[in-house]
Each structure stands twice: as structure tokens, then as C-alpha cells.
PDB file of N, CA and C in Angstrom:
ATOM      1  N   MET A   1     115.906  35.337 108.037  1.00  0.00           N
ATOM      2  CA  MET A   1     114.870  34.497 108.603  1.00  0.00           C
ATOM      3  C   MET A   1     113.661  34.418 107.658  1.00  0.00           C
ATOM      4  N   ILE A   2     113.331  35.558 107.056  1.00  0.00           N
ATOM      5  CA  ILE A   2     112.193  35.573 106.139  1.00  0.00           C
ATOM      6  C   ILE A   2     112.469  34.679 104.926  1.00  0.00           C
ATOM      7  N   VAL A   3     113.703  34.698 104.451  1.00  0.00           N
ATOM      8  CA  VAL A   3     114.061  33.873 103.292  1.00  0.00           C
ATOM      9  C   VAL A   3     113.906  32.395 103.633  1.00  0.00           C
ATOM     10  N   GLU A   4     114.343  32.009 104.827  1.00  0.00           N
ATOM     11  CA  GLU A   4     114.208  30.615 105.257  1.00  0.00           C
ATOM     12  C   GLU A   4     112.730  30.216 105.338  1.00  0.00           C
ATOM     13  N   GLN A   5     111.896  31.110 105.855  1.00  0.00           N
ATOM     14  CA  GLN A   5     110.470  30.827 105.949  1.00  0.00           C
ATOM     15  C   GLN A   5     109.836  30.735 104.560  1.00  0.00           C
ATOM     16  N   ALA A   6     110.289  31.591 103.638  1.00  0.00           N
ATOM     17  CA  ALA A   6     109.770  31.553 102.272  1.00  0.00           C
ATOM     18  C   ALA A   6     110.149  30.242 101.591  1.00  0.00           C
ATOM     19  N   LEU A   7     111.377  29.793 101.821  1.00  0.00           N
ATOM     20  CA  LEU A   7     111.808  28.510 101.248  1.00  0.00           C
ATOM     21  C   LEU A   7     110.999  27.351 101.830  1.00  0.00           C
ATOM     22  N   ALA A   8     110.726  27.407 103.114  1.00  0.00           N
ATOM     23  CA  ALA A   8     109.912  26.359 103.751  1.00  0.00           C
ATOM     24  C   ALA A   8     108.495  26.370 103.174  1.00  0.00           C
ATOM     25  N   LEU A   9     107.948  27.556 102.936  1.00  0.00           N
ATOM     26  CA  LEU A   9     106.612  27.659 102.347  1.00  0.00           C
ATOM     27  C   LEU A   9     106.616  27.106 100.924  1.00  0.00           C
ATOM     28  N   ALA A  10     107.647  27.417 100.148  1.00  0.00           N
ATOM     29  CA  ALA A  10     107.756  26.889  98.787  1.00  0.00           C
ATOM     30  C   ALA A  10     107.836  25.363  98.804  1.00  0.00           C
ATOM     31  N   GLN A  11     108.585  24.830  99.751  1.00  0.00           N
ATOM     32  CA  GLN A  11     108.688  23.370  99.896  1.00  0.00           C
ATOM     33  C   GLN A  11     107.323  22.774 100.237  1.00  0.00           C
ATOM     34  N   GLU A  12     106.596  23.457 101.089  1.00  0.00           N
ATOM     35  CA  GLU A  12     105.260  22.975 101.467  1.00  0.00           C
ATOM     36  C   GLU A  12     104.326  22.965 100.258  1.00  0.00           C
ATOM     37  N   PHE A  13     104.428  23.994  99.401  1.00  0.00           N
ATOM     38  CA  PHE A  13     103.638  24.014  98.171  1.00  0.00           C
ATOM     39  C   PHE A  13     103.987  22.825  97.279  1.00  0.00           C
ATOM     40  N   GLU A  14     105.283  22.582  97.116  1.00  0.00           N
ATOM     41  CA  GLU A  14     105.721  21.470  96.270  1.00  0.00           C
ATOM     42  C   GLU A  14     105.220  20.139  96.807  1.00  0.00           C
ATOM     43  N   GLU A  15     105.331  19.942  98.110  1.00  0.00           N
ATOM     44  CA  GLU A  15     104.874  18.694  98.715  1.00  0.00           C
ATOM     45  C   GLU A  15     103.366  18.526  98.556  1.00  0.00           C
ATOM     46  N   ALA A  16     102.623  19.615  98.735  1.00  0.00           N
ATOM     47  CA  ALA A  16     101.168  19.556  98.585  1.00  0.00           C
ATOM     48  C   ALA A  16     100.801  19.200  97.142  1.00  0.00           C
ATOM     49  N   ALA A  17     101.494  19.807  96.191  1.00  0.00           N
ATOM     50  CA  ALA A  17     101.200  19.533  94.781  1.00  0.00           C
ATOM     51  C   ALA A  17     101.546  18.101  94.405  1.00  0.00           C
ATOM     52  N   GLU A  18     102.682  17.618  94.888  1.00  0.00           N
ATOM     53  CA  GLU A  18     103.126  16.263  94.547  1.00  0.00           C
ATOM     54  C   GLU A  18     102.260  15.188  95.191  1.00  0.00           C
ATOM     55  N   SER A  19     101.744  15.462  96.379  1.00  0.00           N
ATOM     56  CA  SER A  19     100.967  14.444  97.088  1.00  0.00           C
ATOM     57  C   SER A  19      99.478  14.495  96.764  1.00  0.00           C
ATOM     58  N   ALA A  20      99.049  15.519  96.039  1.00  0.00           N
ATOM     59  CA  ALA A  20      97.621  15.647  95.717  1.00  0.00           C
ATOM     60  C   ALA A  20      97.233  14.662  94.622  1.00  0.00           C
ATOM     61  N   SER A  21      96.027  14.184  94.728  1.00  0.00           N
ATOM     62  CA  SER A  21      95.527  13.295  93.679  1.00  0.00           C
ATOM     63  C   SER A  21      95.128  14.130  92.460  1.00  0.00           C
ATOM     64  N   ASP A  22      94.915  13.454  91.348  1.00  0.00           N
ATOM     65  CA  ASP A  22      94.540  14.159  90.113  1.00  0.00           C
ATOM     66  C   ASP A  22      93.307  15.029  90.356  1.00  0.00           C
ATOM     67  N   GLY A  23      93.390  16.240  89.888  1.00  0.00           N
ATOM     68  CA  GLY A  23      92.267  17.162  90.023  1.00  0.00           C
ATOM     69  C   GLY A  23      92.215  17.888  91.355  1.00  0.00           C
ATOM     70  N   GLN A  24      93.138  17.594  92.258  1.00  0.00           N
ATOM     71  CA  GLN A  24      93.116  18.208  93.588  1.00  0.00           C
ATOM     72  C   GLN A  24      94.324  19.106  93.869  1.00  0.00           C
ATOM     73  N   VAL A  25      95.200  19.282  92.882  1.00  0.00           N
ATOM     74  CA  VAL A  25      96.427  20.051  93.095  1.00  0.00           C
ATOM     75  C   VAL A  25      96.105  21.485  93.487  1.00  0.00           C
ATOM     76  N   LEU A  26      95.251  22.144  92.736  1.00  0.00           N
ATOM     77  CA  LEU A  26      94.921  23.540  93.024  1.00  0.00           C
ATOM     78  C   LEU A  26      94.283  23.667  94.403  1.00  0.00           C
ATOM     79  N   ASP A  27      93.381  22.774  94.734  1.00  0.00           N
ATOM     80  CA  ASP A  27      92.718  22.821  96.037  1.00  0.00           C
ATOM     81  C   ASP A  27      93.718  22.674  97.180  1.00  0.00           C
ATOM     82  N   ARG A  28      94.638  21.726  97.064  1.00  0.00           N
ATOM     83  CA  ARG A  28      95.651  21.508  98.106  1.00  0.00           C
ATOM     84  C   ARG A  28      96.579  22.711  98.234  1.00  0.00           C
ATOM     85  N   CYS A  29      96.999  23.273  97.104  1.00  0.00           N
ATOM     86  CA  CYS A  29      97.897  24.430  97.145  1.00  0.00           C
ATOM     87  C   CYS A  29      97.183  25.662  97.686  1.00  0.00           C
ATOM     88  N   GLU A  30      95.916  25.812  97.384  1.00  0.00           N
ATOM     89  CA  GLU A  30      95.144  26.929  97.950  1.00  0.00           C
ATOM     90  C   GLU A  30      95.065  26.813  99.463  1.00  0.00           C
ATOM     91  N   ARG A  31      94.899  25.597  99.964  1.00  0.00           N
ATOM     92  CA  ARG A  31      94.853  25.405 101.425  1.00  0.00           C
ATOM     93  C   ARG A  31      96.180  25.781 102.068  1.00  0.00           C
ATOM     94  N   VAL A  32      97.279  25.413 101.419  1.00  0.00           N
ATOM     95  CA  VAL A  32      98.602  25.798 101.926  1.00  0.00           C
ATOM     96  C   VAL A  32      98.728  27.314 101.927  1.00  0.00           C
ATOM     97  N   ALA A  33      98.280  27.953 100.841  1.00  0.00           N
ATOM     98  CA  ALA A  33      98.372  29.409 100.740  1.00  0.00           C
ATOM     99  C   ALA A  33      97.559  30.083 101.842  1.00  0.00           C
ATOM    100  N   LEU A  34      96.386  29.567 102.117  1.00  0.00           N
ATOM    101  CA  LEU A  34      95.536  30.181 103.135  1.00  0.00           C
ATOM    102  C   LEU A  34      96.061  29.941 104.545  1.00  0.00           C
ATOM    103  N   ASP A  35      96.535  28.755 104.807  1.00  0.00           N
ATOM    104  CA  ASP A  35      97.003  28.433 106.160  1.00  0.00           C
ATOM    105  C   ASP A  35      98.445  28.901 106.386  1.00  0.00           C
ATOM    106  N   SER A  36      99.359  28.261 105.717  1.00  0.00           N
ATOM    107  CA  SER A  36     100.779  28.561 105.919  1.00  0.00           C
ATOM    108  C   SER A  36     101.155  29.918 105.333  1.00  0.00           C
ATOM    109  N   GLY A  37     100.527  30.297 104.234  1.00  0.00           N
ATOM    110  CA  GLY A  37     100.817  31.589 103.626  1.00  0.00           C
ATOM    111  C   GLY A  37     100.429  32.739 104.531  1.00  0.00           C
ATOM    112  N   ARG A  38      99.296  32.620 105.185  1.00  0.00           N
ATOM    113  CA  ARG A  38      98.849  33.658 106.124  1.00  0.00           C
ATOM    114  C   ARG A  38      99.814  33.763 107.295  1.00  0.00           C
ATOM    115  N   THR A  39     100.265  32.640 107.803  1.00  0.00           N
ATOM    116  CA  THR A  39     101.229  32.637 108.902  1.00  0.00           C
ATOM    117  C   THR A  39     102.547  33.277 108.466  1.00  0.00           C
ATOM    118  N   PHE A  40     103.003  32.938 107.258  1.00  0.00           N
ATOM    119  CA  PHE A  40     104.237  33.515 106.726  1.00  0.00           C
ATOM    120  C   PHE A  40     104.114  35.032 106.615  1.00  0.00           C
ATOM    121  N   LEU A  41     103.024  35.507 106.073  1.00  0.00           N
ATOM    122  CA  LEU A  41     102.835  36.956 105.915  1.00  0.00           C
ATOM    123  C   LEU A  41     102.788  37.663 107.261  1.00  0.00           C
ATOM    124  N   ARG A  42     102.123  37.057 108.226  1.00  0.00           N
ATOM    125  CA  ARG A  42     102.034  37.641 109.573  1.00  0.00           C
ATOM    126  C   ARG A  42     103.427  37.745 110.198  1.00  0.00           C
ATOM    127  N   GLN A  43     104.221  36.699 110.071  1.00  0.00           N
ATOM    128  CA  GLN A  43     105.572  36.705 110.631  1.00  0.00           C
ATOM    129  C   GLN A  43     106.481  37.698 109.903  1.00  0.00           C
ATOM    130  N   ALA A  44     106.341  37.788 108.584  1.00  0.00           N
ATOM    131  CA  ALA A  44     107.154  38.730 107.812  1.00  0.00           C
ATOM    132  C   ALA A  44     106.805  40.167 108.191  1.00  0.00           C
ATOM    133  N   LEU A  45     105.530  40.450 108.354  1.00  0.00           N
ATOM    134  CA  LEU A  45     105.106  41.790 108.754  1.00  0.00           C
ATOM    135  C   LEU A  45     105.614  42.128 110.152  1.00  0.00           C
ATOM    136  N   ALA A  46     105.495  41.198 111.067  1.00  0.00           N
ATOM    137  CA  ALA A  46     105.977  41.437 112.436  1.00  0.00           C
ATOM    138  C   ALA A  46     107.481  41.687 112.437  1.00  0.00           C
ATOM    139  N   SER A  47     108.208  40.927 111.652  1.00  0.00           N
ATOM    140  CA  SER A  47     109.659  41.102 111.576  1.00  0.00           C
ATOM    141  C   SER A  47     110.016  42.472 111.009  1.00  0.00           C
ATOM    142  N   ALA A  48     109.325  42.889 109.959  1.00  0.00           N
ATOM    143  CA  ALA A  48     109.597  44.193 109.353  1.00  0.00           C
ATOM    144  C   ALA A  48     109.286  45.325 110.327  1.00  0.00           C
ATOM    145  N   LEU A  49     108.188  45.208 111.053  1.00  0.00           N
ATOM    146  CA  LEU A  49     107.825  46.249 112.014  1.00  0.00           C
ATOM    147  C   LEU A  49     108.800  46.308 113.182  1.00  0.00           C
ATOM    148  N   GLU A  50     109.283  45.152 113.614  1.00  0.00           N
ATOM    149  CA  GLU A  50     110.278  45.128 114.695  1.00  0.00           C
ATOM    150  C   GLU A  50     111.574  45.798 114.251  1.00  0.00           C
ATOM    151  N   ARG A  51     112.023  45.509 113.021  1.00  0.00           N
ATOM    152  CA  ARG A  51     113.236  46.147 112.500  1.00  0.00           C
ATOM    153  C   ARG A  51     113.053  47.653 112.389  1.00  0.00           C
ATOM    154  N   GLN A  52     111.891  48.076 111.943  1.00  0.00           N
ATOM    155  CA  GLN A  52     111.635  49.507 111.819  1.00  0.00           C
ATOM    156  C   GLN A  52     111.668  50.173 113.189  1.00  0.00           C
ATOM    157  N   ALA A  53     111.066  49.548 114.184  1.00  0.00           N
ATOM    158  CA  ALA A  53     111.072  50.100 115.539  1.00  0.00           C
ATOM    159  C   ALA A  53     112.495  50.173 116.086  1.00  0.00           C
ATOM    160  N   GLU A  54     113.299  49.151 115.814  1.00  0.00           N
ATOM    161  CA  GLU A  54     114.696  49.165 116.268  1.00  0.00           C
ATOM    162  C   GLU A  54     115.470  50.294 115.591  1.00  0.00           C
ATOM    163  N   ASP A  55     115.224  50.512 114.303  1.00  0.00           N
ATOM    164  CA  ASP A  55     115.899  51.593 113.582  1.00  0.00           C
ATOM    165  C   ASP A  55     115.530  52.955 114.161  1.00  0.00           C
ATOM    166  N   VAL A  56     114.273  53.139 114.504  1.00  0.00           N
ATOM    167  CA  VAL A  56     113.826  54.406 115.089  1.00  0.00           C
ATOM    168  C   VAL A  56     114.493  54.621 116.433  1.00  0.00           C
ATOM    169  N   GLU A  57     114.574  53.563 117.229  1.00  0.00           N
ATOM    170  CA  GLU A  57     115.206  53.676 118.549  1.00  0.00           C
ATOM    171  C   GLU A  57     116.688  54.021 118.416  1.00  0.00           C
ATOM    172  N   LYS A  58     117.350  53.483 117.405  1.00  0.00           N
ATOM    173  CA  LYS A  58     118.766  53.767 117.202  1.00  0.00           C
ATOM    174  C   LYS A  58     118.995  55.219 116.777  1.00  0.00           C
ATOM    175  N   LYS A  59     118.060  55.769 116.007  1.00  0.00           N
ATOM    176  CA  LYS A  59     118.203  57.131 115.501  1.00  0.00           C
ATOM    177  C   LYS A  59     117.982  58.181 116.581  1.00  0.00           C
ATOM    178  N   GLU A  60     117.166  57.846 117.564  1.00  0.00           N
ATOM    179  CA  GLU A  60     116.884  58.802 118.632  1.00  0.00           C
ATOM    180  C   GLU A  60     118.122  58.963 119.510  1.00  0.00           C
ATOM    181  N   ALA A  61     118.395  60.206 119.877  1.00  0.00           N
ATOM    182  CA  ALA A  61     119.546  60.465 120.755  1.00  0.00           C
ATOM    183  C   ALA A  61     119.227  59.917 122.137  1.00  0.00           C
ATOM    184  N   PRO A  62     120.233  59.344 122.782  1.00  0.00           N
ATOM    185  CA  PRO A  62     119.983  58.841 124.133  1.00  0.00           C
ATOM    186  C   PRO A  62     119.651  60.007 125.059  1.00  0.00           C
ATOM    187  N   GLY A  63     118.649  59.822 125.841  1.00  0.00           N
ATOM    188  CA  GLY A  63     118.213  60.882 126.750  1.00  0.00           C
ATOM    189  C   GLY A  63     119.091  60.954 127.979  1.00  0.00           C
ATOM    190  N   GLY A  64     119.383  62.138 128.382  1.00  0.00           N
ATOM    191  CA  GLY A  64     120.147  62.349 129.603  1.00  0.00           C
ATOM    192  C   GLY A  64     119.213  62.877 130.683  1.00  0.00           C
ATOM    193  N   PRO A  65     119.751  63.161 131.823  1.00  0.00           N
ATOM    194  CA  PRO A  65     118.894  63.683 132.881  1.00  0.00           C
ATOM    195  C   PRO A  65     118.393  65.074 132.506  1.00  0.00           C
ATOM    196  N   ALA A  66     117.182  65.351 132.884  1.00  0.00           N
ATOM    197  CA  ALA A  66     116.590  66.660 132.605  1.00  0.00           C
ATOM    198  C   ALA A  66     117.192  67.692 133.534  1.00  0.00           C
ATOM    199  N   PRO A  67     117.446  68.907 133.009  1.00  0.00           N
ATOM    200  CA  PRO A  67     117.994  69.943 133.883  1.00  0.00           C
ATOM    201  C   PRO A  67     116.995  70.317 134.976  1.00  0.00           C
ATOM    202  N   VAL A  68     117.533  70.634 136.127  1.00  0.00           N
ATOM    203  CA  VAL A  68     116.683  70.999 137.265  1.00  0.00           C
ATOM    204  C   VAL A  68     116.416  72.504 137.185  1.00  0.00           C
ATOM    205  N   ALA A  69     115.173  72.856 137.326  1.00  0.00           N
ATOM    206  CA  ALA A  69     114.828  74.290 137.338  1.00  0.00           C
ATOM    207  C   ALA A  69     115.201  74.862 138.687  1.00  0.00           C
ATOM    208  N   ARG A  70     115.937  75.932 138.687  1.00  0.00           N
ATOM    209  CA  ARG A  70     116.348  76.561 139.928  1.00  0.00           C
ATOM    210  C   ARG A  70     115.501  77.799 140.178  1.00  0.00           C
ATOM    211  N   ARG A  71     115.119  77.949 141.394  1.00  0.00           N
ATOM    212  CA  ARG A  71     114.327  79.127 141.746  1.00  0.00           C
ATOM    213  C   ARG A  71     115.260  80.281 142.078  1.00  0.00           C
ATOM    214  N   GLY A  72     114.994  81.373 141.465  1.00  0.00           N
ATOM    215  CA  GLY A  72     115.804  82.556 141.751  1.00  0.00           C
ATOM    216  C   GLY A  72     115.331  83.244 143.028  1.00  0.00           C
ATOM    217  N   GLY A  73     116.237  83.776 143.769  1.00  0.00           N
ATOM    218  CA  GLY A  73     115.855  84.494 144.995  1.00  0.00           C
ATOM    219  C   GLY A  73     115.580  85.940 144.666  1.00  0.00           C
ATOM    220  N   SER A  74     114.666  86.535 145.404  1.00  0.00           N
ATOM    221  CA  SER A  74     114.398  87.950 145.173  1.00  0.00           C
ATOM    222  C   SER A  74     114.532  88.735 146.429  1.00  0.00           C
TER     223      SER A  74
END
């Protein structure tokens, strides 16, 4: 999913550069980087953190019922 988003971001950069008028290419690409780039980074970070959380959950042993403490008679 991250690769697809990266390709979409690269396409957006290309489109911004191609459609910009002379002298405006850097400005247009910077806007893409700030807007779409920030969104891409946020989504990539969220995806990585979700995968890490899933890995931790898989590593933990499944919990069973807790043993009941029995009172001894005297």
C-alpha cells in the first residue's frame, strides 16, 4: 500500500512540474511536498505502527483463565 501511495505522490510531482509555468516549477513541487507529502508520511507512519502493534500481539502468548486461589481449611 505504501508503494502505491509513493507512486501516486511521484505522479503528482510530475504533473505539478509539467503543468507549472516557467519559473514556478519549484514552487508547485514544494506545495505538493508540503500537502501531499505530509499526508503520505502520516499514512506511512500509521501503517508501520499498526504492523508493529500486530506483530507484538502475535508474539504474546494467548492468555488463559487465571487460576483460582483456594482457601485452605485449618
